[in-house]
Amino acid sequence: MENMERLLSLWIEDQNQQNLPLSLLVIQAKAKSLYDNLKIDQGEGSETEAFTASRGWFVQFNRRFHLHNIKMSSEAASADTAATKKFPDYLKKIIVEVCGGSCGLNVSMT
């Protein structure tokens, strides 16, 4: 857990240096990804605790690492709505190109 939090704090600092806004959801996803990757690197038997990257964890993480100047944004503000609307069709096109539509994936746009 300590290694993951250290790596996460470095990643957050890097994002801030690049003036990239972060959201709670993005930070939580990155934390979970780092945790899972470190768990794999250390072997499956190394898991001593479950990690969900909860809001409570984030509050404590923020206090431990004194991250006062994180440039946070709301999800709605950072979402590219035009790209979001086009994505299902784009994904369907990729699935059809790669698998011929027979990957066993449901590509309906309901």
Protein backbone atom coordinates (compact mmCIF):
# COMPACT_ATOMS: atom_id res chain seq x y z
CA MET A 1 0.00 0.00 0.00
CA GLU A 2 2.82 2.40 0.88
CA ASN A 3 4.55 1.83 -2.47
CA MET A 4 1.31 2.41 -4.35
CA GLU A 5 0.63 5.66 -2.50
CA ARG A 6 4.19 6.88 -3.09
CA LEU A 7 3.90 6.12 -6.81
CA LEU A 8 0.48 7.73 -6.93
CA SER A 9 1.74 10.92 -5.30
CA LEU A 10 4.55 11.10 -7.90
CA TRP A 11 2.03 10.57 -10.69
CA ILE A 12 -0.22 13.32 -9.30
CA GLU A 13 2.75 15.70 -9.08
CA ASP A 14 3.63 14.90 -12.68
CA GLN A 15 0.06 15.55 -13.81
CA ASN A 16 0.07 18.88 -11.97
CA GLN A 17 3.40 19.90 -13.52
CA GLN A 18 1.83 19.29 -16.92
CA ASN A 19 -1.19 21.40 -15.85
CA LEU A 20 -3.51 18.45 -16.37
CA PRO A 21 -6.66 18.64 -14.25
CA LEU A 22 -7.49 15.59 -12.15
CA SER A 23 -10.75 14.32 -10.78
CA LEU A 24 -11.41 12.09 -7.82
CA LEU A 25 -12.49 9.30 -10.17
CA VAL A 26 -9.29 9.53 -12.22
CA ILE A 27 -7.13 9.45 -9.10
CA GLN A 28 -9.10 6.53 -7.67
CA ALA A 29 -8.77 4.59 -10.94
CA LYS A 30 -5.02 5.24 -11.08
CA ALA A 31 -4.63 4.18 -7.44
CA LYS A 32 -6.51 0.92 -8.07
CA SER A 33 -4.46 0.26 -11.21
CA LEU A 34 -1.16 0.86 -9.41
CA TYR A 35 -2.28 -1.32 -6.51
CA ASP A 36 -3.31 -4.17 -8.82
CA ASN A 37 -0.05 -3.95 -10.81
CA LEU A 38 2.07 -3.98 -7.66
CA LYS A 39 0.07 -6.92 -6.33
CA ILE A 40 0.78 -8.85 -9.55
CA ASP A 41 4.48 -7.94 -9.41
CA GLN A 42 4.70 -9.16 -5.82
CA GLY A 43 2.72 -12.33 -6.49
CA GLU A 44 -0.85 -13.26 -5.71
CA GLY A 45 0.02 -14.41 -2.19
CA SER A 46 1.17 -10.91 -1.24
CA GLU A 47 -2.38 -9.60 -0.86
CA THR A 48 -2.94 -8.78 2.78
CA GLU A 49 -5.82 -6.38 2.38
CA ALA A 50 -8.51 -5.52 -0.15
CA PHE A 51 -8.21 -2.08 -1.73
CA THR A 52 -11.15 -0.20 -3.20
CA ALA A 53 -9.76 3.36 -3.51
CA SER A 54 -12.72 4.74 -1.60
CA ARG A 55 -13.40 8.40 -0.94
CA GLY A 56 -12.35 7.87 2.68
CA TRP A 57 -9.04 6.39 1.53
CA PHE A 58 -8.51 9.45 -0.70
CA VAL A 59 -9.12 11.88 2.16
CA GLN A 60 -6.55 10.06 4.29
CA PHE A 61 -4.10 9.80 1.37
CA ASN A 62 -4.45 13.52 0.75
CA ARG A 63 -3.65 14.24 4.42
CA ARG A 64 -0.67 11.85 4.52
CA PHE A 65 0.96 13.32 1.42
CA HIS A 66 -0.04 16.96 2.05
CA LEU A 67 -1.43 17.37 -1.44
CA HIS A 68 -2.77 20.88 -1.05
CA ASN A 69 -2.41 22.06 -4.61
CA ILE A 70 -4.01 19.29 -6.63
CA LYS A 71 -5.79 20.81 -9.61
CA MET A 72 -9.11 19.02 -9.29
CA SER A 73 -11.91 19.23 -11.80
CA SER A 74 -15.41 17.87 -11.78
CA GLU A 75 -16.14 14.98 -14.10
CA ALA A 76 -18.72 16.98 -16.01
CA ALA A 77 -16.29 19.80 -16.67
CA SER A 78 -13.59 17.48 -17.96
CA ALA A 79 -15.83 15.29 -20.14
CA ASP A 80 -15.64 15.66 -23.90
CA THR A 81 -19.33 15.25 -24.69
CA ALA A 82 -18.88 15.22 -28.49
CA ALA A 83 -16.33 12.40 -28.25
CA THR A 84 -18.54 10.58 -25.76
CA LYS A 85 -21.42 10.55 -28.23
CA LYS A 86 -19.22 9.27 -31.08
CA PHE A 87 -17.46 6.58 -29.05
CA PRO A 88 -20.06 3.75 -29.24
CA ASP A 89 -20.03 3.86 -33.06
CA TYR A 90 -16.23 4.04 -33.10
CA LEU A 91 -15.96 1.07 -30.74
CA LYS A 92 -18.41 -0.95 -32.82
CA LYS A 93 -16.33 -0.23 -35.95
CA ILE A 94 -13.15 -1.43 -34.22
CA ILE A 95 -14.81 -4.61 -32.98
CA VAL A 96 -16.13 -5.40 -36.45
CA GLU A 97 -12.72 -4.70 -38.05
CA VAL A 98 -10.76 -6.79 -35.54
CA CYS A 99 -13.14 -9.70 -35.05
CA GLY A 100 -15.44 -9.51 -38.00
CA GLY A 101 -18.18 -8.96 -35.47
CA SER A 102 -17.81 -12.47 -34.03
CA CYS A 103 -15.75 -11.81 -30.90
CA GLY A 104 -18.60 -12.85 -28.68
CA LEU A 105 -19.17 -9.21 -27.72
CA ASN A 106 -22.54 -7.53 -27.82
CA VAL A 107 -22.13 -4.39 -29.91
CA SER A 108 -25.74 -3.22 -29.81
CA MET A 109 -26.16 0.46 -29.09
CA THR A 110 -29.10 0.30 -26.69
